[in-house]
Structure formats: C-alpha cells, structure tokens
Amino acid sequence: MSLENYQFHYCFTGNSQKTPILFLHGFMGNCHEFDEVIKFLSNDFYCLTIDLPGHGKTRVFGGDECYTMANTAQALIKLLDNLKIAQCFLVGYSMGGRLALYLNLHFPQRFYKVILESASPGLITEVERLERVKSDEQIARKLTRCVEEGDFRAFLLNWYNQRIFGYVKNHLEFEGMIESRLQNNPLELAKSLRFMGTGCQPSLWEKLKENTNSLLLLVGEYDEKFIIINRKMVNICKFTQLKIISNSAHNIHLENTLAFVQNLNKFLIEV
C-alpha cells in the first residue's frame, strides 16, 4: 500500500535524542489520546503519536481498502521509514492495540518492545467474526445517522455506557475526552469500523505462537472480558507478561495514568 494514499497527521513530543515510542490510539481517539501519559515520558523518550485512518486530521485518498488493518500497518511502516525510524517501542490501546499486535507479529524487527493496553488478537472462528461484522455494521449506521441528526454527542455518551468501560463516565477528565472525540468525523469513523473492526481484522491467535518480542499486556481490573482474553494470550504467546491495573476498566491510561506510566517505564527499561 503506497504512502501516497494517506496524509498522516502526527506529532512528536519529547527528547529527540532518546528512543522513540510510537503510540496508537483507540477507536474514536486521535493523536492526543496519550497526552497525559506523555507528560511523564517526554524527558526520557521521543514520543510519536498518529491519527489513524478515519480519525483526527489524517486523510485517506485511496479507496476503502486503505482502512484495513493490513494496509494501514504497511503504510505506518513506510511512514516510519520516511521519518528515519528504523526501530522503536510500540504502545497501542484497544483498536490501536490490535493494530500494534499485527505490526509486532508481521514486522517484529521494527520494534524493541511492545505494550498492548486492553487489546485482543481478534476473533478465532468465522462464525464469531461474521456476528461481529453484523454488530459493527449496525454501529456504523448509527454513526452515519449522527451526521444527519446531529447527535454525535449522544452516541458517544451511550457508547461509554458499555460494561467494559466501567466507571469512566465518573472520571474528572471524561468530558474532556468526549470533547476530543467530537473532533472526529462520524462518517470516517464508520469506515474505520467497517474495515478495521474486530470482525473484519485477520485473527492473530495462531500467529501469537510466532512472537519473538517482549510484550506487556495491560488490562483494567474492572474489564472482565479483556482479562479473560489477555490471560489466554499469555498462555499462548512467548515473552509475554500480563499486568492487571487497579481502579480502571478498558481505558487504563485515562483512569489510572500513574499506574500506566509506572508499568510502561518499568517494562521499557528492563534489560
């Protein structure tokens, strides 16, 4: 996939003389997803954040195939080439975590260590994937209606009622997160969901056995679904450790920023 099909919006923060970390945000996020985390890291790392296709200020000039996981991953590797980043650390949250896992398993030589927050390798069976595609299509249609009816905020508030998000709506920074999410285009988000959602991504469960990099899996103590998924991942995947973070659900870096940073720092500086 040619990089000409994308105009990636990205930001660098921190010490350009230090090792880069590539951060990949979750669904409906943008390059500011990890701003609070990066405040604690900017002296010791060179942090690169990117708006993924369908999000923020990144523009896609190609067809719908440009939104798929495989093509997005190839484009990100070419972007790293253009930025003269031969190797870096990699951090991905939720959707960005699924993409980060794909990158790690297909381009392992490009990453020193990888941190996956509330991520999964996708769905194992074809039946599960088809059911998820149907579910994601319903959500994509709701996003499309948001443009017609002007109720994107209502969609977002309802989205965060999901059980995996725990008590995030009670967090002091929740309204700020909503305002950031509102900067996205619902039509572009719908494309992202249709072409890089959990149902249509390649299942990575079998490929987990080929992992050669050190992986840290982070899940929140209230995110029961992803605790189960990540425990299965640890049993399959070599060089992998799991940390369950207290006082958080799916969005650990928002709900328990300090614990997220502490675990990240400890993992990245370990020899």
C-alpha atoms as a PDB file:
ATOM      1  CA  MET A   1       0.000   0.000   0.000  1.00  0.00           C
ATOM      2  CA  SER A   2       1.512   3.276  -1.144  1.00  0.00           C
ATOM      3  CA  LEU A   3       2.006   6.032   1.403  1.00  0.00           C
ATOM      4  CA  GLU A   4       0.620   8.386  -1.258  1.00  0.00           C
ATOM      5  CA  ASN A   5      -2.842   7.086  -0.367  1.00  0.00           C
ATOM      6  CA  TYR A   6      -2.508   8.660   3.081  1.00  0.00           C
ATOM      7  CA  GLN A   7      -1.788  12.051   4.526  1.00  0.00           C
ATOM      8  CA  PHE A   8      -0.946  11.106   8.097  1.00  0.00           C
ATOM      9  CA  HIS A   9      -1.247  13.716  10.797  1.00  0.00           C
ATOM     10  CA  TYR A  10       1.291  13.064  13.537  1.00  0.00           C
ATOM     11  CA  CYS A  11       3.042  14.793  16.424  1.00  0.00           C
ATOM     12  CA  PHE A  12       6.444  14.381  18.059  1.00  0.00           C
ATOM     13  CA  THR A  13       6.877  15.198  21.743  1.00  0.00           C
ATOM     14  CA  GLY A  14       9.879  14.774  23.988  1.00  0.00           C
ATOM     15  CA  ASN A  15      13.614  14.286  23.651  1.00  0.00           C
ATOM     16  CA  SER A  16      14.677  13.647  20.058  1.00  0.00           C
ATOM     17  CA  GLN A  17      17.951  12.149  21.331  1.00  0.00           C
ATOM     18  CA  LYS A  18      16.109   9.350  23.131  1.00  0.00           C
ATOM     19  CA  THR A  19      14.451   6.145  21.896  1.00  0.00           C
ATOM     20  CA  PRO A  20      11.176   6.745  20.022  1.00  0.00           C
ATOM     21  CA  ILE A  21       7.838   5.343  21.196  1.00  0.00           C
ATOM     22  CA  LEU A  22       5.033   5.021  18.650  1.00  0.00           C
ATOM     23  CA  PHE A  23       1.588   5.402  20.276  1.00  0.00           C
ATOM     24  CA  LEU A  24      -1.545   4.080  18.531  1.00  0.00           C
ATOM     25  CA  HIS A  25      -4.880   5.359  19.845  1.00  0.00           C
ATOM     26  CA  GLY A  26      -8.176   3.531  20.202  1.00  0.00           C
ATOM     27  CA  PHE A  27     -11.398   3.766  18.191  1.00  0.00           C
ATOM     28  CA  MET A  28     -12.691   7.356  18.114  1.00  0.00           C
ATOM     29  CA  GLY A  29      -9.418   8.644  19.576  1.00  0.00           C
ATOM     30  CA  ASN A  30      -6.721  10.753  17.951  1.00  0.00           C
ATOM     31  CA  CYS A  31      -3.076  11.705  18.359  1.00  0.00           C
ATOM     32  CA  HIS A  32      -3.864  13.377  21.696  1.00  0.00           C
ATOM     33  CA  GLU A  33      -5.121  10.120  23.274  1.00  0.00           C
ATOM     34  CA  PHE A  34      -1.956   9.706  25.353  1.00  0.00           C
ATOM     35  CA  ASP A  35      -1.182  13.369  26.144  1.00  0.00           C
ATOM     36  CA  GLU A  36      -1.356  12.900  29.934  1.00  0.00           C
ATOM     37  CA  VAL A  37       0.881   9.828  29.746  1.00  0.00           C
ATOM     38  CA  ILE A  38       3.418  11.579  27.526  1.00  0.00           C
ATOM     39  CA  LYS A  39       3.808  14.415  30.041  1.00  0.00           C
ATOM     40  CA  PHE A  40       5.584  11.894  32.282  1.00  0.00           C
ATOM     41  CA  LEU A  41       7.717  10.460  29.474  1.00  0.00           C
ATOM     42  CA  SER A  42       8.911  13.445  27.476  1.00  0.00           C
ATOM     43  CA  ASN A  43      12.316  13.701  29.186  1.00  0.00           C
ATOM     44  CA  ASP A  44      13.267  10.071  28.604  1.00  0.00           C
ATOM     45  CA  PHE A  45      11.625   9.183  25.279  1.00  0.00           C
ATOM     46  CA  TYR A  46      10.787  10.660  21.882  1.00  0.00           C
ATOM     47  CA  CYS A  47       7.022  10.153  21.597  1.00  0.00           C
ATOM     48  CA  LEU A  48       5.322   9.832  18.206  1.00  0.00           C
ATOM     49  CA  THR A  49       1.532   9.953  18.087  1.00  0.00           C
ATOM     50  CA  ILE A  50      -0.506   9.470  14.915  1.00  0.00           C
ATOM     51  CA  ASP A  51      -4.114   9.959  13.841  1.00  0.00           C
ATOM     52  CA  LEU A  52      -5.051   6.570  12.381  1.00  0.00           C
ATOM     53  CA  PRO A  53      -7.123   6.365   9.158  1.00  0.00           C
ATOM     54  CA  GLY A  54     -10.682   7.506   9.796  1.00  0.00           C
ATOM     55  CA  HIS A  55      -9.601   9.570  12.795  1.00  0.00           C
ATOM     56  CA  GLY A  56      -8.482  13.095  13.591  1.00  0.00           C
ATOM     57  CA  LYS A  57      -6.761  15.064  10.849  1.00  0.00           C
ATOM     58  CA  THR A  58      -5.371  12.121   8.862  1.00  0.00           C
ATOM     59  CA  ARG A  59      -6.732  11.998   5.314  1.00  0.00           C
ATOM     60  CA  VAL A  60      -7.192   8.938   3.108  1.00  0.00           C
ATOM     61  CA  PHE A  61      -7.058   9.495  -0.656  1.00  0.00           C
ATOM     62  CA  GLY A  62      -7.376   5.864  -1.739  1.00  0.00           C
ATOM     63  CA  GLY A  63     -10.343   3.501  -1.607  1.00  0.00           C
ATOM     64  CA  ASP A  64     -11.932   1.695   1.310  1.00  0.00           C
ATOM     65  CA  GLU A  65      -9.114  -0.873   1.271  1.00  0.00           C
ATOM     66  CA  CYS A  66      -6.848   1.815   2.751  1.00  0.00           C
ATOM     67  CA  TYR A  67      -8.697   1.467   6.068  1.00  0.00           C
ATOM     68  CA  THR A  68      -7.931  -2.233   6.545  1.00  0.00           C
ATOM     69  CA  MET A  69      -5.509  -3.402   9.191  1.00  0.00           C
ATOM     70  CA  ALA A  70      -3.024  -4.930   6.740  1.00  0.00           C
ATOM     71  CA  ASN A  71      -2.828  -1.829   4.548  1.00  0.00           C
ATOM     72  CA  THR A  72      -2.764   0.571   7.493  1.00  0.00           C
ATOM     73  CA  ALA A  73       0.101  -1.429   9.002  1.00  0.00           C
ATOM     74  CA  GLN A  74       2.099  -1.307   5.761  1.00  0.00           C
ATOM     75  CA  ALA A  75       1.510   2.444   5.481  1.00  0.00           C
ATOM     76  CA  LEU A  76       2.690   3.003   9.062  1.00  0.00           C
ATOM     77  CA  ILE A  77       5.896   1.070   8.384  1.00  0.00           C
ATOM     78  CA  LYS A  78       6.511   3.264   5.328  1.00  0.00           C
ATOM     79  CA  LEU A  79       5.842   6.341   7.440  1.00  0.00           C
ATOM     80  CA  LEU A  80       8.441   5.158   9.962  1.00  0.00           C
ATOM     81  CA  ASP A  81      10.846   4.706   7.056  1.00  0.00           C
ATOM     82  CA  ASN A  82      10.189   8.280   5.910  1.00  0.00           C
ATOM     83  CA  LEU A  83      10.761   9.518   9.454  1.00  0.00           C
ATOM     84  CA  LYS A  84      14.054   7.595   9.578  1.00  0.00           C
ATOM     85  CA  ILE A  85      12.873   5.461  12.498  1.00  0.00           C
ATOM     86  CA  ALA A  86      14.379   2.017  11.999  1.00  0.00           C
ATOM     87  CA  GLN A  87      13.261   0.705  15.401  1.00  0.00           C
ATOM     88  CA  CYS A  88      11.112   1.978  18.237  1.00  0.00           C
ATOM     89  CA  PHE A  89       8.983   0.979  21.178  1.00  0.00           C
ATOM     90  CA  LEU A  90       5.291   0.451  20.397  1.00  0.00           C
ATOM     91  CA  VAL A  91       2.221   1.176  22.533  1.00  0.00           C
ATOM     92  CA  GLY A  92      -1.342   0.509  21.390  1.00  0.00           C
ATOM     93  CA  TYR A  93      -4.720   0.957  23.081  1.00  0.00           C
ATOM     94  CA  SER A  94      -7.822  -1.107  22.191  1.00  0.00           C
ATOM     95  CA  MET A  95      -8.194  -0.776  18.378  1.00  0.00           C
ATOM     96  CA  GLY A  96      -4.667   0.637  18.321  1.00  0.00           C
ATOM     97  CA  GLY A  97      -3.617  -2.349  20.409  1.00  0.00           C
ATOM     98  CA  ARG A  98      -4.988  -4.769  17.846  1.00  0.00           C
ATOM     99  CA  LEU A  99      -3.096  -2.871  15.160  1.00  0.00           C
ATOM    100  CA  ALA A 100       0.050  -2.810  17.317  1.00  0.00           C
ATOM    101  CA  LEU A 101      -0.137  -6.575  17.753  1.00  0.00           C
ATOM    102  CA  TYR A 102      -0.466  -7.010  13.989  1.00  0.00           C
ATOM    103  CA  LEU A 103       2.565  -4.767  13.432  1.00  0.00           C
ATOM    104  CA  ASN A 104       4.573  -6.646  16.035  1.00  0.00           C
ATOM    105  CA  LEU A 105       3.804 -10.059  14.538  1.00  0.00           C
ATOM    106  CA  HIS A 106       4.358  -9.033  10.912  1.00  0.00           C
ATOM    107  CA  PHE A 107       7.241  -6.579  11.327  1.00  0.00           C
ATOM    108  CA  PRO A 108       8.940  -7.768  14.550  1.00  0.00           C
ATOM    109  CA  GLN A 109      12.340  -6.372  13.576  1.00  0.00           C
ATOM    110  CA  ARG A 110      10.953  -2.818  13.753  1.00  0.00           C
ATOM    111  CA  PHE A 111      10.069  -2.863  17.455  1.00  0.00           C
ATOM    112  CA  TYR A 112      12.180  -3.297  20.581  1.00  0.00           C
ATOM    113  CA  LYS A 113       9.304  -3.947  22.989  1.00  0.00           C
ATOM    114  CA  VAL A 114       5.522  -3.681  22.713  1.00  0.00           C
ATOM    115  CA  ILE A 115       2.820  -2.662  25.205  1.00  0.00           C
ATOM    116  CA  LEU A 116      -0.778  -3.608  24.467  1.00  0.00           C
ATOM    117  CA  GLU A 117      -3.485  -1.909  26.535  1.00  0.00           C
ATOM    118  CA  SER A 118      -6.923  -3.554  26.538  1.00  0.00           C
ATOM    119  CA  ALA A 119      -6.170  -5.305  23.250  1.00  0.00           C
ATOM    120  CA  SER A 120      -7.032  -8.617  21.604  1.00  0.00           C
ATOM    121  CA  PRO A 121      -5.825 -10.784  18.709  1.00  0.00           C
ATOM    122  CA  GLY A 122      -9.276 -10.635  17.127  1.00  0.00           C
ATOM    123  CA  LEU A 123     -11.847 -13.427  16.983  1.00  0.00           C
ATOM    124  CA  ILE A 124     -10.983 -17.078  16.495  1.00  0.00           C
ATOM    125  CA  THR A 125     -13.858 -18.515  14.454  1.00  0.00           C
ATOM    126  CA  GLU A 126     -15.523 -17.426  11.229  1.00  0.00           C
ATOM    127  CA  VAL A 127     -18.918 -17.517  12.962  1.00  0.00           C
ATOM    128  CA  GLU A 128     -17.712 -15.087  15.649  1.00  0.00           C
ATOM    129  CA  ARG A 129     -16.248 -12.781  13.033  1.00  0.00           C
ATOM    130  CA  LEU A 130     -19.428 -12.715  10.944  1.00  0.00           C
ATOM    131  CA  GLU A 131     -21.542 -11.934  14.008  1.00  0.00           C
ATOM    132  CA  ARG A 132     -19.179  -9.115  14.957  1.00  0.00           C
ATOM    133  CA  VAL A 133     -19.241  -7.695  11.420  1.00  0.00           C
ATOM    134  CA  LYS A 134     -23.056  -7.528  11.643  1.00  0.00           C
ATOM    135  CA  SER A 135     -22.844  -5.815  15.017  1.00  0.00           C
ATOM    136  CA  ASP A 136     -20.225  -3.332  13.806  1.00  0.00           C
ATOM    137  CA  GLU A 137     -22.326  -2.554  10.735  1.00  0.00           C
ATOM    138  CA  GLN A 138     -25.215  -1.552  12.978  1.00  0.00           C
ATOM    139  CA  ILE A 139     -22.900   0.781  14.901  1.00  0.00           C
ATOM    140  CA  ALA A 140     -21.507   2.195  11.645  1.00  0.00           C
ATOM    141  CA  ARG A 141     -25.060   3.004  10.523  1.00  0.00           C
ATOM    142  CA  LYS A 142     -25.707   4.791  13.814  1.00  0.00           C
ATOM    143  CA  LEU A 143     -22.560   6.842  13.242  1.00  0.00           C
ATOM    144  CA  THR A 144     -23.780   7.744   9.765  1.00  0.00           C
ATOM    145  CA  ARG A 145     -27.128   8.863  11.210  1.00  0.00           C
ATOM    146  CA  CYS A 146     -25.236  11.091  13.648  1.00  0.00           C
ATOM    147  CA  VAL A 147     -24.346  13.323  10.699  1.00  0.00           C
ATOM    148  CA  GLU A 148     -27.952  13.547   9.564  1.00  0.00           C
ATOM    149  CA  GLU A 149     -29.436  14.036  13.035  1.00  0.00           C
ATOM    150  CA  GLY A 150     -26.616  15.980  14.699  1.00  0.00           C
ATOM    151  CA  ASP A 151     -26.482  13.768  17.786  1.00  0.00           C
ATOM    152  CA  PHE A 152     -22.864  12.584  17.814  1.00  0.00           C
ATOM    153  CA  ARG A 153     -22.519  13.581  21.484  1.00  0.00           C
ATOM    154  CA  ALA A 154     -25.495  11.390  22.412  1.00  0.00           C
ATOM    155  CA  PHE A 155     -23.889   8.493  20.521  1.00  0.00           C
ATOM    156  CA  LEU A 156     -20.631   8.948  22.462  1.00  0.00           C
ATOM    157  CA  LEU A 157     -22.350   9.140  25.844  1.00  0.00           C
ATOM    158  CA  ASN A 158     -24.234   5.953  25.049  1.00  0.00           C
ATOM    159  CA  TRP A 159     -21.019   4.275  23.798  1.00  0.00           C
ATOM    160  CA  TYR A 160     -19.358   4.742  27.166  1.00  0.00           C
ATOM    161  CA  ASN A 161     -22.248   3.048  28.941  1.00  0.00           C
ATOM    162  CA  GLN A 162     -20.779  -0.254  27.795  1.00  0.00           C
ATOM    163  CA  ARG A 163     -19.705  -2.554  30.620  1.00  0.00           C
ATOM    164  CA  ILE A 164     -16.061  -2.743  29.502  1.00  0.00           C
ATOM    165  CA  PHE A 165     -15.655   0.975  30.230  1.00  0.00           C
ATOM    166  CA  GLY A 166     -16.517   0.507  33.900  1.00  0.00           C
ATOM    167  CA  TYR A 167     -16.854   3.831  35.741  1.00  0.00           C
ATOM    168  CA  VAL A 168     -15.066   6.008  33.191  1.00  0.00           C
ATOM    169  CA  LYS A 169     -18.064   8.359  32.974  1.00  0.00           C
ATOM    170  CA  ASN A 170     -17.368   9.373  36.586  1.00  0.00           C
ATOM    171  CA  HIS A 171     -13.796  10.405  35.806  1.00  0.00           C
ATOM    172  CA  LEU A 172     -12.881  14.075  36.090  1.00  0.00           C
ATOM    173  CA  GLU A 173     -11.412  14.045  32.575  1.00  0.00           C
ATOM    174  CA  PHE A 174     -14.371  12.265  30.946  1.00  0.00           C
ATOM    175  CA  GLU A 175     -15.925  15.412  29.492  1.00  0.00           C
ATOM    176  CA  GLY A 176     -12.561  16.433  28.047  1.00  0.00           C
ATOM    177  CA  MET A 177     -12.303  13.035  26.378  1.00  0.00           C
ATOM    178  CA  ILE A 178     -15.784  13.478  24.888  1.00  0.00           C
ATOM    179  CA  GLU A 179     -14.822  16.900  23.511  1.00  0.00           C
ATOM    180  CA  SER A 180     -11.754  15.331  21.892  1.00  0.00           C
ATOM    181  CA  ARG A 181     -13.841  12.507  20.392  1.00  0.00           C
ATOM    182  CA  LEU A 182     -16.252  15.073  18.948  1.00  0.00           C
ATOM    183  CA  GLN A 183     -13.447  16.384  16.722  1.00  0.00           C
ATOM    184  CA  ASN A 184     -13.727  13.213  14.630  1.00  0.00           C
ATOM    185  CA  ASN A 185     -15.902  12.824  11.531  1.00  0.00           C
ATOM    186  CA  PRO A 186     -18.577  10.146  12.201  1.00  0.00           C
ATOM    187  CA  LEU A 187     -18.586   9.126   8.513  1.00  0.00           C
ATOM    188  CA  GLU A 188     -14.852   8.433   8.663  1.00  0.00           C
ATOM    189  CA  LEU A 189     -15.254   6.569  11.961  1.00  0.00           C
ATOM    190  CA  ALA A 190     -17.867   4.374  10.293  1.00  0.00           C
ATOM    191  CA  LYS A 191     -15.344   3.459   7.584  1.00  0.00           C
ATOM    192  CA  SER A 192     -12.747   2.591  10.201  1.00  0.00           C
ATOM    193  CA  LEU A 193     -15.221   0.344  11.980  1.00  0.00           C
ATOM    194  CA  ARG A 194     -16.302  -1.373   8.767  1.00  0.00           C
ATOM    195  CA  PHE A 195     -12.771  -2.123   7.564  1.00  0.00           C
ATOM    196  CA  MET A 196     -10.649  -2.390  10.713  1.00  0.00           C
ATOM    197  CA  GLY A 197     -13.200  -3.552  13.262  1.00  0.00           C
ATOM    198  CA  THR A 198     -12.627  -6.701  15.301  1.00  0.00           C
ATOM    199  CA  GLY A 199     -14.864  -8.749  12.999  1.00  0.00           C
ATOM    200  CA  CYS A 200     -13.043  -7.982   9.761  1.00  0.00           C
ATOM    201  CA  GLN A 201      -9.463  -7.979  11.010  1.00  0.00           C
ATOM    202  CA  PRO A 202      -7.340 -11.104  10.484  1.00  0.00           C
ATOM    203  CA  SER A 203      -7.399 -13.393  13.514  1.00  0.00           C
ATOM    204  CA  LEU A 204      -3.946 -13.311  15.113  1.00  0.00           C
ATOM    205  CA  TRP A 205      -4.458 -16.116  17.626  1.00  0.00           C
ATOM    206  CA  GLU A 206      -2.411 -18.689  15.716  1.00  0.00           C
ATOM    207  CA  LYS A 207       0.287 -16.198  14.837  1.00  0.00           C
ATOM    208  CA  LEU A 208       0.731 -15.336  18.531  1.00  0.00           C
ATOM    209  CA  LYS A 209       2.829 -18.502  18.801  1.00  0.00           C
ATOM    210  CA  GLU A 210       5.428 -16.901  16.491  1.00  0.00           C
ATOM    211  CA  ASN A 211       6.035 -13.877  18.708  1.00  0.00           C
ATOM    212  CA  THR A 212       9.706 -13.025  19.257  1.00  0.00           C
ATOM    213  CA  ASN A 213       9.437  -9.644  21.019  1.00  0.00           C
ATOM    214  CA  SER A 214       8.847  -8.803  24.686  1.00  0.00           C
ATOM    215  CA  LEU A 215       5.178  -7.953  25.179  1.00  0.00           C
ATOM    216  CA  LEU A 216       3.454  -6.331  28.136  1.00  0.00           C
ATOM    217  CA  LEU A 217      -0.316  -6.756  28.289  1.00  0.00           C
ATOM    218  CA  LEU A 218      -2.216  -4.242  30.434  1.00  0.00           C
ATOM    219  CA  VAL A 219      -5.867  -4.709  31.399  1.00  0.00           C
ATOM    220  CA  GLY A 220      -8.051  -2.950  33.956  1.00  0.00           C
ATOM    221  CA  GLU A 221      -9.383  -4.825  36.957  1.00  0.00           C
ATOM    222  CA  TYR A 222     -12.994  -3.980  36.021  1.00  0.00           C
ATOM    223  CA  ASP A 223     -12.614  -5.097  32.385  1.00  0.00           C
ATOM    224  CA  GLU A 224     -13.596  -8.741  32.880  1.00  0.00           C
ATOM    225  CA  LYS A 225     -13.927  -9.528  29.182  1.00  0.00           C
ATOM    226  CA  PHE A 226     -10.390  -8.429  28.358  1.00  0.00           C
ATOM    227  CA  ILE A 227      -8.886 -10.039  31.455  1.00  0.00           C
ATOM    228  CA  ILE A 228     -10.111 -13.384  30.105  1.00  0.00           C
ATOM    229  CA  ILE A 229      -8.800 -12.641  26.585  1.00  0.00           C
ATOM    230  CA  ASN A 230      -5.395 -11.485  27.804  1.00  0.00           C
ATOM    231  CA  ARG A 231      -4.931 -14.466  30.132  1.00  0.00           C
ATOM    232  CA  LYS A 232      -5.457 -16.711  27.107  1.00  0.00           C
ATOM    233  CA  MET A 233      -2.908 -14.657  25.175  1.00  0.00           C
ATOM    234  CA  VAL A 234      -0.261 -15.109  27.880  1.00  0.00           C
ATOM    235  CA  ASN A 235      -0.755 -18.878  27.793  1.00  0.00           C
ATOM    236  CA  ILE A 236      -0.113 -18.973  24.031  1.00  0.00           C
ATOM    237  CA  CYS A 237       2.397 -16.212  23.449  1.00  0.00           C
ATOM    238  CA  LYS A 238       6.069 -16.441  24.448  1.00  0.00           C
ATOM    239  CA  PHE A 239       7.936 -13.493  26.012  1.00  0.00           C
ATOM    240  CA  THR A 240       4.655 -12.043  27.294  1.00  0.00           C
ATOM    241  CA  GLN A 241       3.600 -10.774  30.712  1.00  0.00           C
ATOM    242  CA  LEU A 242       0.223  -9.577  31.960  1.00  0.00           C
ATOM    243  CA  LYS A 243      -0.465  -6.818  34.471  1.00  0.00           C
ATOM    244  CA  ILE A 244      -3.962  -6.164  35.816  1.00  0.00           C
ATOM    245  CA  ILE A 245      -4.248  -2.491  36.757  1.00  0.00           C
ATOM    246  CA  SER A 246      -6.374  -1.456  39.732  1.00  0.00           C
ATOM    247  CA  ASN A 247      -9.052   1.239  39.716  1.00  0.00           C
ATOM    248  CA  SER A 248      -9.561   1.050  35.958  1.00  0.00           C
ATOM    249  CA  ALA A 249     -11.524  -0.692  33.248  1.00  0.00           C
ATOM    250  CA  HIS A 250     -10.866  -0.539  29.490  1.00  0.00           C
ATOM    251  CA  ASN A 251      -9.287   2.924  29.353  1.00  0.00           C
ATOM    252  CA  ILE A 252      -6.399   2.469  31.792  1.00  0.00           C
ATOM    253  CA  HIS A 253      -4.278   5.380  30.600  1.00  0.00           C
ATOM    254  CA  LEU A 254      -7.114   7.778  31.460  1.00  0.00           C
ATOM    255  CA  GLU A 255      -8.453   6.164  34.633  1.00  0.00           C
ATOM    256  CA  ASN A 256      -5.130   5.292  36.277  1.00  0.00           C
ATOM    257  CA  THR A 257      -2.493   7.301  34.428  1.00  0.00           C
ATOM    258  CA  LEU A 258       0.220   6.938  37.069  1.00  0.00           C
ATOM    259  CA  ALA A 259      -0.040   3.140  37.214  1.00  0.00           C
ATOM    260  CA  PHE A 260       0.016   3.039  33.411  1.00  0.00           C
ATOM    261  CA  VAL A 261       3.183   5.168  33.296  1.00  0.00           C
ATOM    262  CA  GLN A 262       4.876   3.208  36.076  1.00  0.00           C
ATOM    263  CA  ASN A 263       4.271  -0.107  34.322  1.00  0.00           C
ATOM    264  CA  LEU A 264       5.382   1.326  30.980  1.00  0.00           C
ATOM    265  CA  ASN A 265       8.599   2.736  32.416  1.00  0.00           C
ATOM    266  CA  LYS A 266       9.478  -0.409  34.324  1.00  0.00           C
ATOM    267  CA  PHE A 267       8.892  -2.629  31.294  1.00  0.00           C
ATOM    268  CA  LEU A 268      10.764  -0.465  28.798  1.00  0.00           C
ATOM    269  CA  ILE A 269      13.888  -0.024  30.925  1.00  0.00           C
ATOM    270  CA  GLU A 270      14.184  -3.706  31.883  1.00  0.00           C
ATOM    271  CA  VAL A 271      17.124  -5.412  30.194  1.00  0.00           C
END
